[in-house]
Amino acid sequence: MNNKITNRFERNTVQVRPGLWRTNLSYNQETMLCYFRMEKGCKLPLHNHKAVQNGYVISGKLRYELADSDQRVYETGEIGPGGGYCWDSDEYHSTEALEDSEFIEVFSPLRPEYVAE
């Protein structure tokens, strides 16, 4: 399968959890581009990972939380259409859909657990 030139509508979509779907788009070992759909009310709890996560909201509205290494929240906010964000490697973050939302995220390096799905 070609992972460098792709079309979202020809890729497999995976339900990550109830209310959240991911479609892997293009990727190599250094970076990965994914499309997400998230239903209103769906929330990803605080978590972190090695990959830097850079995102762009296409539609809807997301609430985010950032937390320190003890998972104490130090920042919250909302991101709507046209908004971008970047979470550092190992930075704790959570996301909740305040509206049905679509967004694109880039991970660097790629998330190997996403390739397996």
PDB file of N, CA and C in Angstrom:
ATOM      1  N   MET A   1       0.844  -1.186   0.000  1.00  0.00           N
ATOM      2  CA  MET A   1       0.000   0.000   0.000  1.00  0.00           C
ATOM      3  C   MET A   1       0.888   1.247   0.000  1.00  0.00           C
ATOM      4  N   ASN A   2       0.544   2.205  -0.832  1.00  0.00           N
ATOM      5  CA  ASN A   2       1.278   3.463  -0.904  1.00  0.00           C
ATOM      6  C   ASN A   2       0.862   4.353   0.261  1.00  0.00           C
ATOM      7  N   ASN A   3       1.809   4.745   1.083  1.00  0.00           N
ATOM      8  CA  ASN A   3       1.514   5.599   2.227  1.00  0.00           C
ATOM      9  C   ASN A   3       2.004   7.019   2.025  1.00  0.00           C
ATOM     10  N   LYS A   4       2.514   7.331   0.834  1.00  0.00           N
ATOM     11  CA  LYS A   4       3.004   8.672   0.557  1.00  0.00           C
ATOM     12  C   LYS A   4       1.981   9.522  -0.177  1.00  0.00           C
ATOM     13  N   ILE A   5       1.255   8.935  -1.108  1.00  0.00           N
ATOM     14  CA  ILE A   5       0.219   9.646  -1.856  1.00  0.00           C
ATOM     15  C   ILE A   5      -1.092   8.912  -1.589  1.00  0.00           C
ATOM     16  N   THR A   6      -2.052   9.571  -0.918  1.00  0.00           N
ATOM     17  CA  THR A   6      -3.276   8.881  -0.517  1.00  0.00           C
ATOM     18  C   THR A   6      -4.495   9.769  -0.727  1.00  0.00           C
ATOM     19  N   ASN A   7      -5.653   9.147  -0.587  1.00  0.00           N
ATOM     20  CA  ASN A   7      -6.930   9.837  -0.626  1.00  0.00           C
ATOM     21  C   ASN A   7      -7.728   9.365   0.586  1.00  0.00           C
ATOM     22  N   ARG A   8      -8.187  10.287   1.415  1.00  0.00           N
ATOM     23  CA  ARG A   8      -8.909   9.944   2.644  1.00  0.00           C
ATOM     24  C   ARG A   8     -10.062   8.991   2.377  1.00  0.00           C
ATOM     25  N   PHE A   9     -10.761   9.169   1.278  1.00  0.00           N
ATOM     26  CA  PHE A   9     -11.946   8.373   0.988  1.00  0.00           C
ATOM     27  C   PHE A   9     -11.611   6.957   0.529  1.00  0.00           C
ATOM     28  N   GLU A  10     -10.339   6.693   0.288  1.00  0.00           N
ATOM     29  CA  GLU A  10      -9.910   5.354  -0.109  1.00  0.00           C
ATOM     30  C   GLU A  10      -9.144   4.647   1.009  1.00  0.00           C
ATOM     31  N   ARG A  11      -9.046   5.272   2.158  1.00  0.00           N
ATOM     32  CA  ARG A  11      -8.302   4.707   3.296  1.00  0.00           C
ATOM     33  C   ARG A  11      -9.248   4.077   4.309  1.00  0.00           C
ATOM     34  N   ASN A  12      -8.726   3.157   5.100  1.00  0.00           N
ATOM     35  CA  ASN A  12      -9.484   2.515   6.168  1.00  0.00           C
ATOM     36  C   ASN A  12      -9.686   3.501   7.325  1.00  0.00           C
ATOM     37  N   THR A  13     -10.910   3.592   7.815  1.00  0.00           N
ATOM     38  CA  THR A  13     -11.214   4.426   8.983  1.00  0.00           C
ATOM     39  C   THR A  13     -11.407   3.510  10.176  1.00  0.00           C
ATOM     40  N   VAL A  14     -10.774   3.851  11.303  1.00  0.00           N
ATOM     41  CA  VAL A  14     -10.793   3.037  12.516  1.00  0.00           C
ATOM     42  C   VAL A  14     -11.512   3.796  13.618  1.00  0.00           C
ATOM     43  N   GLN A  15     -12.412   3.110  14.322  1.00  0.00           N
ATOM     44  CA  GLN A  15     -13.028   3.735  15.496  1.00  0.00           C
ATOM     45  C   GLN A  15     -12.058   3.577  16.662  1.00  0.00           C
ATOM     46  N   VAL A  16     -11.544   4.703  17.131  1.00  0.00           N
ATOM     47  CA  VAL A  16     -10.553   4.720  18.207  1.00  0.00           C
ATOM     48  C   VAL A  16     -11.230   4.430  19.541  1.00  0.00           C
ATOM     49  N   ARG A  17     -12.399   5.000  19.729  1.00  0.00           N
ATOM     50  CA  ARG A  17     -13.241   4.828  20.908  1.00  0.00           C
ATOM     51  C   ARG A  17     -14.623   5.305  20.509  1.00  0.00           C
ATOM     52  N   PRO A  18     -15.648   5.039  21.302  1.00  0.00           N
ATOM     53  CA  PRO A  18     -16.970   5.546  20.925  1.00  0.00           C
ATOM     54  C   PRO A  18     -16.928   7.062  20.693  1.00  0.00           C
ATOM     55  N   GLY A  19     -17.366   7.471  19.508  1.00  0.00           N
ATOM     56  CA  GLY A  19     -17.417   8.898  19.186  1.00  0.00           C
ATOM     57  C   GLY A  19     -16.174   9.463  18.538  1.00  0.00           C
ATOM     58  N   LEU A  20     -15.150   8.631  18.294  1.00  0.00           N
ATOM     59  CA  LEU A  20     -13.910   9.120  17.695  1.00  0.00           C
ATOM     60  C   LEU A  20     -13.417   8.147  16.630  1.00  0.00           C
ATOM     61  N   TRP A  21     -13.184   8.678  15.401  1.00  0.00           N
ATOM     62  CA  TRP A  21     -12.683   7.883  14.284  1.00  0.00           C
ATOM     63  C   TRP A  21     -11.413   8.509  13.727  1.00  0.00           C
ATOM     64  N   ARG A  22     -10.492   7.655  13.280  1.00  0.00           N
ATOM     65  CA  ARG A  22      -9.226   8.115  12.709  1.00  0.00           C
ATOM     66  C   ARG A  22      -9.007   7.457  11.352  1.00  0.00           C
ATOM     67  N   THR A  23      -8.531   8.265  10.416  1.00  0.00           N
ATOM     68  CA  THR A  23      -8.112   7.758   9.112  1.00  0.00           C
ATOM     69  C   THR A  23      -6.655   8.149   8.916  1.00  0.00           C
ATOM     70  N   ASN A  24      -5.780   7.154   8.810  1.00  0.00           N
ATOM     71  CA  ASN A  24      -4.376   7.432   8.513  1.00  0.00           C
ATOM     72  C   ASN A  24      -4.282   7.888   7.063  1.00  0.00           C
ATOM     73  N   LEU A  25      -3.584   8.955   6.843  1.00  0.00           N
ATOM     74  CA  LEU A  25      -3.387   9.444   5.488  1.00  0.00           C
ATOM     75  C   LEU A  25      -1.971   9.094   5.057  1.00  0.00           C
ATOM     76  N   SER A  26      -1.112  10.061   4.908  1.00  0.00           N
ATOM     77  CA  SER A  26       0.250   9.777   4.461  1.00  0.00           C
ATOM     78  C   SER A  26       1.195   9.707   5.651  1.00  0.00           C
ATOM     79  N   TYR A  27       2.237   8.856   5.518  1.00  0.00           N
ATOM     80  CA  TYR A  27       3.219   8.752   6.593  1.00  0.00           C
ATOM     81  C   TYR A  27       4.473   8.029   6.135  1.00  0.00           C
ATOM     82  N   ASN A  28       5.530   8.284   6.904  1.00  0.00           N
ATOM     83  CA  ASN A  28       6.770   7.523   6.824  1.00  0.00           C
ATOM     84  C   ASN A  28       7.261   7.374   8.257  1.00  0.00           C
ATOM     85  N   GLN A  29       8.486   6.983   8.469  1.00  0.00           N
ATOM     86  CA  GLN A  29       8.974   6.778   9.839  1.00  0.00           C
ATOM     87  C   GLN A  29       9.100   8.082  10.641  1.00  0.00           C
ATOM     88  N   GLU A  30       9.220   9.199   9.956  1.00  0.00           N
ATOM     89  CA  GLU A  30       9.461  10.475  10.636  1.00  0.00           C
ATOM     90  C   GLU A  30       8.210  11.269  10.948  1.00  0.00           C
ATOM     91  N   THR A  31       7.150  11.084  10.167  1.00  0.00           N
ATOM     92  CA  THR A  31       5.955  11.900  10.361  1.00  0.00           C
ATOM     93  C   THR A  31       4.714  11.156   9.873  1.00  0.00           C
ATOM     94  N   MET A  32       3.558  11.511  10.458  1.00  0.00           N
ATOM     95  CA  MET A  32       2.299  10.847  10.121  1.00  0.00           C
ATOM     96  C   MET A  32       1.175  11.869  10.109  1.00  0.00           C
ATOM     97  N   LEU A  33       0.368  11.852   9.043  1.00  0.00           N
ATOM     98  CA  LEU A  33      -0.774  12.743   8.892  1.00  0.00           C
ATOM     99  C   LEU A  33      -2.055  11.926   9.055  1.00  0.00           C
ATOM    100  N   CYS A  34      -2.948  12.362   9.971  1.00  0.00           N
ATOM    101  CA  CYS A  34      -4.195  11.649  10.230  1.00  0.00           C
ATOM    102  C   CYS A  34      -5.379  12.615  10.194  1.00  0.00           C
ATOM    103  N   TYR A  35      -6.520  12.095   9.754  1.00  0.00           N
ATOM    104  CA  TYR A  35      -7.787  12.825   9.765  1.00  0.00           C
ATOM    105  C   TYR A  35      -8.646  12.216  10.866  1.00  0.00           C
ATOM    106  N   PHE A  36      -9.279  13.068  11.688  1.00  0.00           N
ATOM    107  CA  PHE A  36     -10.137  12.612  12.777  1.00  0.00           C
ATOM    108  C   PHE A  36     -11.531  13.208  12.670  1.00  0.00           C
ATOM    109  N   ARG A  37     -12.534  12.412  13.059  1.00  0.00           N
ATOM    110  CA  ARG A  37     -13.902  12.882  13.294  1.00  0.00           C
ATOM    111  C   ARG A  37     -14.230  12.570  14.741  1.00  0.00           C
ATOM    112  N   MET A  38     -14.794  13.553  15.447  1.00  0.00           N
ATOM    113  CA  MET A  38     -15.103  13.379  16.862  1.00  0.00           C
ATOM    114  C   MET A  38     -16.506  13.911  17.120  1.00  0.00           C
ATOM    115  N   GLU A  39     -17.360  13.067  17.717  1.00  0.00           N
ATOM    116  CA  GLU A  39     -18.730  13.464  18.014  1.00  0.00           C
ATOM    117  C   GLU A  39     -18.787  14.330  19.269  1.00  0.00           C
ATOM    118  N   LYS A  40     -19.743  15.239  19.262  1.00  0.00           N
ATOM    119  CA  LYS A  40     -19.975  16.096  20.421  1.00  0.00           C
ATOM    120  C   LYS A  40     -20.083  15.233  21.674  1.00  0.00           C
ATOM    121  N   GLY A  41     -19.376  15.639  22.731  1.00  0.00           N
ATOM    122  CA  GLY A  41     -19.410  14.926  23.999  1.00  0.00           C
ATOM    123  C   GLY A  41     -18.309  13.903  24.180  1.00  0.00           C
ATOM    124  N   CYS A  42     -17.667  13.481  23.105  1.00  0.00           N
ATOM    125  CA  CYS A  42     -16.566  12.525  23.219  1.00  0.00           C
ATOM    126  C   CYS A  42     -15.372  13.221  23.868  1.00  0.00           C
ATOM    127  N   LYS A  43     -14.728  12.531  24.797  1.00  0.00           N
ATOM    128  CA  LYS A  43     -13.564  13.118  25.478  1.00  0.00           C
ATOM    129  C   LYS A  43     -12.438  12.106  25.548  1.00  0.00           C
ATOM    130  N   LEU A  44     -11.245  12.554  25.153  1.00  0.00           N
ATOM    131  CA  LEU A  44     -10.027  11.770  25.371  1.00  0.00           C
ATOM    132  C   LEU A  44      -9.440  12.217  26.700  1.00  0.00           C
ATOM    133  N   PRO A  45      -9.215  11.315  27.636  1.00  0.00           N
ATOM    134  CA  PRO A  45      -8.655  11.704  28.922  1.00  0.00           C
ATOM    135  C   PRO A  45      -7.203  12.167  28.786  1.00  0.00           C
ATOM    136  N   LEU A  46      -6.689  12.771  29.838  1.00  0.00           N
ATOM    137  CA  LEU A  46      -5.284  13.193  29.840  1.00  0.00           C
ATOM    138  C   LEU A  46      -4.397  12.013  29.473  1.00  0.00           C
ATOM    139  N   HIS A  47      -3.480  12.265  28.567  1.00  0.00           N
ATOM    140  CA  HIS A  47      -2.522  11.243  28.147  1.00  0.00           C
ATOM    141  C   HIS A  47      -1.313  11.950  27.541  1.00  0.00           C
ATOM    142  N   ASN A  48      -0.268  11.207  27.310  1.00  0.00           N
ATOM    143  CA  ASN A  48       0.907  11.744  26.620  1.00  0.00           C
ATOM    144  C   ASN A  48       1.515  10.650  25.756  1.00  0.00           C
ATOM    145  N   HIS A  49       2.421  11.047  24.893  1.00  0.00           N
ATOM    146  CA  HIS A  49       3.116  10.111  24.020  1.00  0.00           C
ATOM    147  C   HIS A  49       4.390  10.769  23.525  1.00  0.00           C
ATOM    148  N   LYS A  50       5.277   9.978  22.977  1.00  0.00           N
ATOM    149  CA  LYS A  50       6.580  10.483  22.510  1.00  0.00           C
ATOM    150  C   LYS A  50       6.449  11.438  21.330  1.00  0.00           C
ATOM    151  N   ALA A  51       5.468  11.224  20.474  1.00  0.00           N
ATOM    152  CA  ALA A  51       5.336  12.030  19.262  1.00  0.00           C
ATOM    153  C   ALA A  51       4.862  13.448  19.578  1.00  0.00           C
ATOM    154  N   VAL A  52       5.449  14.425  18.918  1.00  0.00           N
ATOM    155  CA  VAL A  52       4.907  15.785  18.903  1.00  0.00           C
ATOM    156  C   VAL A  52       3.613  15.710  18.109  1.00  0.00           C
ATOM    157  N   GLN A  53       2.590  16.452  18.551  1.00  0.00           N
ATOM    158  CA  GLN A  53       1.274  16.415  17.919  1.00  0.00           C
ATOM    159  C   GLN A  53       0.886  17.824  17.496  1.00  0.00           C
ATOM    160  N   ASN A  54       0.727  18.018  16.198  1.00  0.00           N
ATOM    161  CA  ASN A  54       0.405  19.326  15.635  1.00  0.00           C
ATOM    162  C   ASN A  54      -0.924  19.183  14.918  1.00  0.00           C
ATOM    163  N   GLY A  55      -1.916  20.037  15.242  1.00  0.00           N
ATOM    164  CA  GLY A  55      -3.243  19.853  14.673  1.00  0.00           C
ATOM    165  C   GLY A  55      -3.870  21.101  14.103  1.00  0.00           C
ATOM    166  N   TYR A  56      -4.932  20.880  13.315  1.00  0.00           N
ATOM    167  CA  TYR A  56      -5.694  21.959  12.686  1.00  0.00           C
ATOM    168  C   TYR A  56      -7.161  21.554  12.684  1.00  0.00           C
ATOM    169  N   VAL A  57      -8.030  22.426  13.223  1.00  0.00           N
ATOM    170  CA  VAL A  57      -9.461  22.150  13.287  1.00  0.00           C
ATOM    171  C   VAL A  57     -10.125  22.595  11.988  1.00  0.00           C
ATOM    172  N   ILE A  58     -10.774  21.651  11.311  1.00  0.00           N
ATOM    173  CA  ILE A  58     -11.488  21.933  10.069  1.00  0.00           C
ATOM    174  C   ILE A  58     -12.886  22.465  10.378  1.00  0.00           C
ATOM    175  N   SER A  59     -13.597  21.773  11.280  1.00  0.00           N
ATOM    176  CA  SER A  59     -14.947  22.170  11.651  1.00  0.00           C
ATOM    177  C   SER A  59     -15.228  21.735  13.076  1.00  0.00           C
ATOM    178  N   GLY A  60     -16.219  22.386  13.701  1.00  0.00           N
ATOM    179  CA  GLY A  60     -16.588  22.053  15.071  1.00  0.00           C
ATOM    180  C   GLY A  60     -15.814  22.873  16.075  1.00  0.00           C
ATOM    181  N   LYS A  61     -15.823  22.400  17.313  1.00  0.00           N
ATOM    182  CA  LYS A  61     -15.118  23.107  18.382  1.00  0.00           C
ATOM    183  C   LYS A  61     -14.609  22.077  19.385  1.00  0.00           C
ATOM    184  N   LEU A  62     -13.340  22.214  19.765  1.00  0.00           N
ATOM    185  CA  LEU A  62     -12.692  21.321  20.719  1.00  0.00           C
ATOM    186  C   LEU A  62     -12.293  22.085  21.967  1.00  0.00           C
ATOM    187  N   ARG A  63     -12.414  21.426  23.117  1.00  0.00           N
ATOM    188  CA  ARG A  63     -11.864  21.957  24.368  1.00  0.00           C
ATOM    189  C   ARG A  63     -10.620  21.126  24.670  1.00  0.00           C
ATOM    190  N   TYR A  64      -9.553  21.803  25.074  1.00  0.00           N
ATOM    191  CA  TYR A  64      -8.325  21.075  25.414  1.00  0.00           C
ATOM    192  C   TYR A  64      -7.924  21.396  26.846  1.00  0.00           C
ATOM    193  N   GLU A  65      -7.151  20.504  27.414  1.00  0.00           N
ATOM    194  CA  GLU A  65      -6.495  20.716  28.704  1.00  0.00           C
ATOM    195  C   GLU A  65      -5.036  20.317  28.535  1.00  0.00           C
ATOM    196  N   LEU A  66      -4.160  21.085  29.147  1.00  0.00           N
ATOM    197  CA  LEU A  66      -2.741  20.749  29.222  1.00  0.00           C
ATOM    198  C   LEU A  66      -2.404  20.570  30.690  1.00  0.00           C
ATOM    199  N   ALA A  67      -1.537  19.604  30.985  1.00  0.00           N
ATOM    200  CA  ALA A  67      -1.220  19.294  32.373  1.00  0.00           C
ATOM    201  C   ALA A  67       0.276  19.051  32.532  1.00  0.00           C
ATOM    202  N   ASP A  68       0.739  19.213  33.771  1.00  0.00           N
ATOM    203  CA  ASP A  68       2.154  18.980  34.070  1.00  0.00           C
ATOM    204  C   ASP A  68       2.421  17.482  34.233  1.00  0.00           C
ATOM    205  N   SER A  69       3.636  17.138  34.587  1.00  0.00           N
ATOM    206  CA  SER A  69       4.021  15.719  34.683  1.00  0.00           C
ATOM    207  C   SER A  69       3.267  14.977  35.789  1.00  0.00           C
ATOM    208  N   ASP A  70       2.673  15.711  36.741  1.00  0.00           N
ATOM    209  CA  ASP A  70       1.839  15.096  37.776  1.00  0.00           C
ATOM    210  C   ASP A  70       0.370  15.082  37.371  1.00  0.00           C
ATOM    211  N   GLN A  71       0.104  15.454  36.116  1.00  0.00           N
ATOM    212  CA  GLN A  71      -1.226  15.509  35.518  1.00  0.00           C
ATOM    213  C   GLN A  71      -2.140  16.542  36.189  1.00  0.00           C
ATOM    214  N   ARG A  72      -1.516  17.598  36.708  1.00  0.00           N
ATOM    215  CA  ARG A  72      -2.281  18.747  37.223  1.00  0.00           C
ATOM    216  C   ARG A  72      -2.506  19.704  36.059  1.00  0.00           C
ATOM    217  N   VAL A  73      -3.768  19.984  35.761  1.00  0.00           N
ATOM    218  CA  VAL A  73      -4.112  20.845  34.628  1.00  0.00           C
ATOM    219  C   VAL A  73      -3.660  22.269  34.906  1.00  0.00           C
ATOM    220  N   TYR A  74      -2.933  22.854  33.960  1.00  0.00           N
ATOM    221  CA  TYR A  74      -2.480  24.232  34.104  1.00  0.00           C
ATOM    222  C   TYR A  74      -3.028  25.152  33.023  1.00  0.00           C
ATOM    223  N   GLU A  75      -3.664  24.576  31.992  1.00  0.00           N
ATOM    224  CA  GLU A  75      -4.232  25.419  30.941  1.00  0.00           C
ATOM    225  C   GLU A  75      -5.413  24.708  30.314  1.00  0.00           C
ATOM    226  N   THR A  76      -6.486  25.460  30.068  1.00  0.00           N
ATOM    227  CA  THR A  76      -7.624  24.951  29.314  1.00  0.00           C
ATOM    228  C   THR A  76      -8.005  25.998  28.274  1.00  0.00           C
ATOM    229  N   GLY A  77      -8.643  25.571  27.227  1.00  0.00           N
ATOM    230  CA  GLY A  77      -9.072  26.513  26.199  1.00  0.00           C
ATOM    231  C   GLY A  77      -9.922  25.819  25.159  1.00  0.00           C
ATOM    232  N   GLU A  78     -10.375  26.591  24.189  1.00  0.00           N
ATOM    233  CA  GLU A  78     -11.194  26.072  23.105  1.00  0.00           C
ATOM    234  C   GLU A  78     -10.550  26.428  21.774  1.00  0.00           C
ATOM    235  N   ILE A  79     -10.703  25.520  20.815  1.00  0.00           N
ATOM    236  CA  ILE A  79     -10.153  25.719  19.469  1.00  0.00           C
ATOM    237  C   ILE A  79     -11.270  25.423  18.474  1.00  0.00           C
ATOM    238  N   GLY A  80     -11.529  26.384  17.585  1.00  0.00           N
ATOM    239  CA  GLY A  80     -12.568  26.216  16.579  1.00  0.00           C
ATOM    240  C   GLY A  80     -11.993  26.167  15.176  1.00  0.00           C
ATOM    241  N   PRO A  81     -12.873  26.221  14.184  1.00  0.00           N
ATOM    242  CA  PRO A  81     -12.440  26.131  12.789  1.00  0.00           C
ATOM    243  C   PRO A  81     -11.340  27.136  12.456  1.00  0.00           C
ATOM    244  N   GLY A  82     -10.306  26.650  11.798  1.00  0.00           N
ATOM    245  CA  GLY A  82      -9.173  27.494  11.435  1.00  0.00           C
ATOM    246  C   GLY A  82      -8.106  27.559  12.507  1.00  0.00           C
ATOM    247  N   GLY A  83      -8.372  26.968  13.673  1.00  0.00           N
ATOM    248  CA  GLY A  83      -7.411  27.003  14.780  1.00  0.00           C
ATOM    249  C   GLY A  83      -6.403  25.880  14.706  1.00  0.00           C
ATOM    250  N   GLY A  84      -5.193  26.171  15.123  1.00  0.00           N
ATOM    251  CA  GLY A  84      -4.124  25.187  15.150  1.00  0.00           C
ATOM    252  C   GLY A  84      -3.593  25.009  16.559  1.00  0.00           C
ATOM    253  N   TYR A  85      -2.878  23.927  16.782  1.00  0.00           N
ATOM    254  CA  TYR A  85      -2.306  23.639  18.097  1.00  0.00           C
ATOM    255  C   TYR A  85      -1.103  22.727  17.933  1.00  0.00           C
ATOM    256  N   CYS A  86      -0.257  22.724  18.941  1.00  0.00           N
ATOM    257  CA  CYS A  86       0.922  21.868  18.943  1.00  0.00           C
ATOM    258  C   CYS A  86       1.208  21.429  20.368  1.00  0.00           C
ATOM    259  N   TRP A  87       1.191  20.121  20.604  1.00  0.00           N
ATOM    260  CA  TRP A  87       1.534  19.569  21.917  1.00  0.00           C
ATOM    261  C   TRP A  87       2.923  18.954  21.801  1.00  0.00           C
ATOM    262  N   ASP A  88       3.765  19.275  22.770  1.00  0.00           N
ATOM    263  CA  ASP A  88       5.140  18.779  22.762  1.00  0.00           C
ATOM    264  C   ASP A  88       5.203  17.289  23.083  1.00  0.00           C
ATOM    265  N   SER A  89       6.318  16.692  22.790  1.00  0.00           N
ATOM    266  CA  SER A  89       6.580  15.305  23.148  1.00  0.00           C
ATOM    267  C   SER A  89       6.405  15.138  24.654  1.00  0.00           C
ATOM    268  N   ASP A  90       5.670  14.112  25.061  1.00  0.00           N
ATOM    269  CA  ASP A  90       5.417  13.773  26.466  1.00  0.00           C
ATOM    270  C   ASP A  90       4.579  14.805  27.224  1.00  0.00           C
ATOM    271  N   GLU A  91       4.016  15.804  26.552  1.00  0.00           N
ATOM    272  CA  GLU A  91       3.156  16.787  27.219  1.00  0.00           C
ATOM    273  C   GLU A  91       1.766  16.172  27.430  1.00  0.00           C
ATOM    274  N   TYR A  92       1.283  16.217  28.669  1.00  0.00           N
ATOM    275  CA  TYR A  92      -0.050  15.698  28.956  1.00  0.00           C
ATOM    276  C   TYR A  92      -1.100  16.629  28.368  1.00  0.00           C
ATOM    277  N   HIS A  93      -2.097  16.032  27.707  1.00  0.00           N
ATOM    278  CA  HIS A  93      -3.161  16.806  27.069  1.00  0.00           C
ATOM    279  C   HIS A  93      -4.424  15.957  27.001  1.00  0.00           C
ATOM    280  N   SER A  94      -5.565  16.625  26.934  1.00  0.00           N
ATOM    281  CA  SER A  94      -6.838  15.950  26.708  1.00  0.00           C
ATOM    282  C   SER A  94      -7.645  16.794  25.736  1.00  0.00           C
ATOM    283  N   THR A  95      -8.621  16.159  25.101  1.00  0.00           N
ATOM    284  CA  THR A  95      -9.460  16.845  24.123  1.00  0.00           C
ATOM    285  C   THR A  95     -10.900  16.387  24.305  1.00  0.00           C
ATOM    286  N   GLU A  96     -11.834  17.350  24.239  1.00  0.00           N
ATOM    287  CA  GLU A  96     -13.259  17.054  24.276  1.00  0.00           C
ATOM    288  C   GLU A  96     -13.937  17.791  23.125  1.00  0.00           C
ATOM    289  N   ALA A  97     -14.832  17.107  22.433  1.00  0.00           N
ATOM    290  CA  ALA A  97     -15.574  17.738  21.347  1.00  0.00           C
ATOM    291  C   ALA A  97     -16.787  18.468  21.925  1.00  0.00           C
ATOM    292  N   LEU A  98     -16.797  19.793  21.783  1.00  0.00           N
ATOM    293  CA  LEU A  98     -17.942  20.592  22.209  1.00  0.00           C
ATOM    294  C   LEU A  98     -19.026  20.598  21.143  1.00  0.00           C
ATOM    295  N   GLU A  99     -18.647  20.267  19.916  1.00  0.00           N
ATOM    296  CA  GLU A  99     -19.539  20.108  18.764  1.00  0.00           C
ATOM    297  C   GLU A  99     -18.988  18.943  17.954  1.00  0.00           C
ATOM    298  N   ASP A 100     -19.799  18.378  17.071  1.00  0.00           N
ATOM    299  CA  ASP A 100     -19.242  17.417  16.124  1.00  0.00           C
ATOM    300  C   ASP A 100     -18.089  18.110  15.415  1.00  0.00           C
ATOM    301  N   SER A 101     -16.940  17.452  15.347  1.00  0.00           N
ATOM    302  CA  SER A 101     -15.722  18.116  14.868  1.00  0.00           C
ATOM    303  C   SER A 101     -14.941  17.248  13.899  1.00  0.00           C
ATOM    304  N   GLU A 102     -14.194  17.920  13.021  1.00  0.00           N
ATOM    305  CA  GLU A 102     -13.243  17.289  12.125  1.00  0.00           C
ATOM    306  C   GLU A 102     -11.923  18.020  12.281  1.00  0.00           C
ATOM    307  N   PHE A 103     -10.839  17.262  12.347  1.00  0.00           N
ATOM    308  CA  PHE A 103      -9.524  17.884  12.475  1.00  0.00           C
ATOM    309  C   PHE A 103      -8.455  16.980  11.891  1.00  0.00           C
ATOM    310  N   ILE A 104      -7.355  17.614  11.556  1.00  0.00           N
ATOM    311  CA  ILE A 104      -6.186  16.948  10.991  1.00  0.00           C
ATOM    312  C   ILE A 104      -5.072  17.031  12.022  1.00  0.00           C
ATOM    313  N   GLU A 105      -4.331  15.943  12.185  1.00  0.00           N
ATOM    314  CA  GLU A 105      -3.180  15.981  13.091  1.00  0.00           C
ATOM    315  C   GLU A 105      -1.962  15.362  12.418  1.00  0.00           C
ATOM    316  N   VAL A 106      -0.813  15.929  12.735  1.00  0.00           N
ATOM    317  CA  VAL A 106       0.475  15.424  12.286  1.00  0.00           C
ATOM    318  C   VAL A 106       1.241  14.981  13.523  1.00  0.00           C
ATOM    319  N   PHE A 107       1.789  13.779  13.479  1.00  0.00           N
ATOM    320  CA  PHE A 107       2.598  13.247  14.575  1.00  0.00           C
ATOM    321  C   PHE A 107       4.025  13.062  14.086  1.00  0.00           C
ATOM    322  N   SER A 108       4.981  13.447  14.928  1.00  0.00           N
ATOM    323  CA  SER A 108       6.385  13.271  14.584  1.00  0.00           C
ATOM    324  C   SER A 108       7.151  12.823  15.824  1.00  0.00           C
ATOM    325  N   PRO A 109       7.748  11.626  15.802  1.00  0.00           N
ATOM    326  CA  PRO A 109       7.730  10.661  14.705  1.00  0.00           C
ATOM    327  C   PRO A 109       6.341  10.027  14.599  1.00  0.00           C
ATOM    328  N   LEU A 110       6.162   9.143  13.619  1.00  0.00           N
ATOM    329  CA  LEU A 110       4.865   8.502  13.431  1.00  0.00           C
ATOM    330  C   LEU A 110       4.479   7.726  14.689  1.00  0.00           C
ATOM    331  N   ARG A 111       3.185   7.484  14.871  1.00  0.00           N
ATOM    332  CA  ARG A 111       2.674   6.672  15.984  1.00  0.00           C
ATOM    333  C   ARG A 111       2.616   5.228  15.499  1.00  0.00           C
ATOM    334  N   PRO A 112       3.574   4.379  15.885  1.00  0.00           N
ATOM    335  CA  PRO A 112       3.630   3.016  15.363  1.00  0.00           C
ATOM    336  C   PRO A 112       2.362   2.211  15.680  1.00  0.00           C
ATOM    337  N   GLU A 113       1.709   2.493  16.796  1.00  0.00           N
ATOM    338  CA  GLU A 113       0.491   1.762  17.142  1.00  0.00           C
ATOM    339  C   GLU A 113      -0.641   2.115  16.169  1.00  0.00           C
ATOM    340  N   TYR A 114      -0.574   3.250  15.498  1.00  0.00           N
ATOM    341  CA  TYR A 114      -1.575   3.621  14.497  1.00  0.00           C
ATOM    342  C   TYR A 114      -1.353   2.865  13.192  1.00  0.00           C
ATOM    343  N   VAL A 115      -0.120   2.560  12.856  1.00  0.00           N
ATOM    344  CA  VAL A 115       0.182   1.862  11.609  1.00  0.00           C
ATOM    345  C   VAL A 115      -0.402   0.438  11.671  1.00  0.00           C
ATOM    346  N   ALA A 116      -0.387  -0.165  12.834  1.00  0.00           N
ATOM    347  CA  ALA A 116      -0.850  -1.536  12.992  1.00  0.00           C
ATOM    348  C   ALA A 116      -2.361  -1.652  12.818  1.00  0.00           C
ATOM    349  N   GLU A 117      -3.095  -0.545  12.925  1.00  0.00           N
ATOM    350  CA  GLU A 117      -4.563  -0.596  12.845  1.00  0.00           C
ATOM    351  C   GLU A 117      -5.056  -0.446  11.437  1.00  0.00           C
TER     352      GLU A 117
END
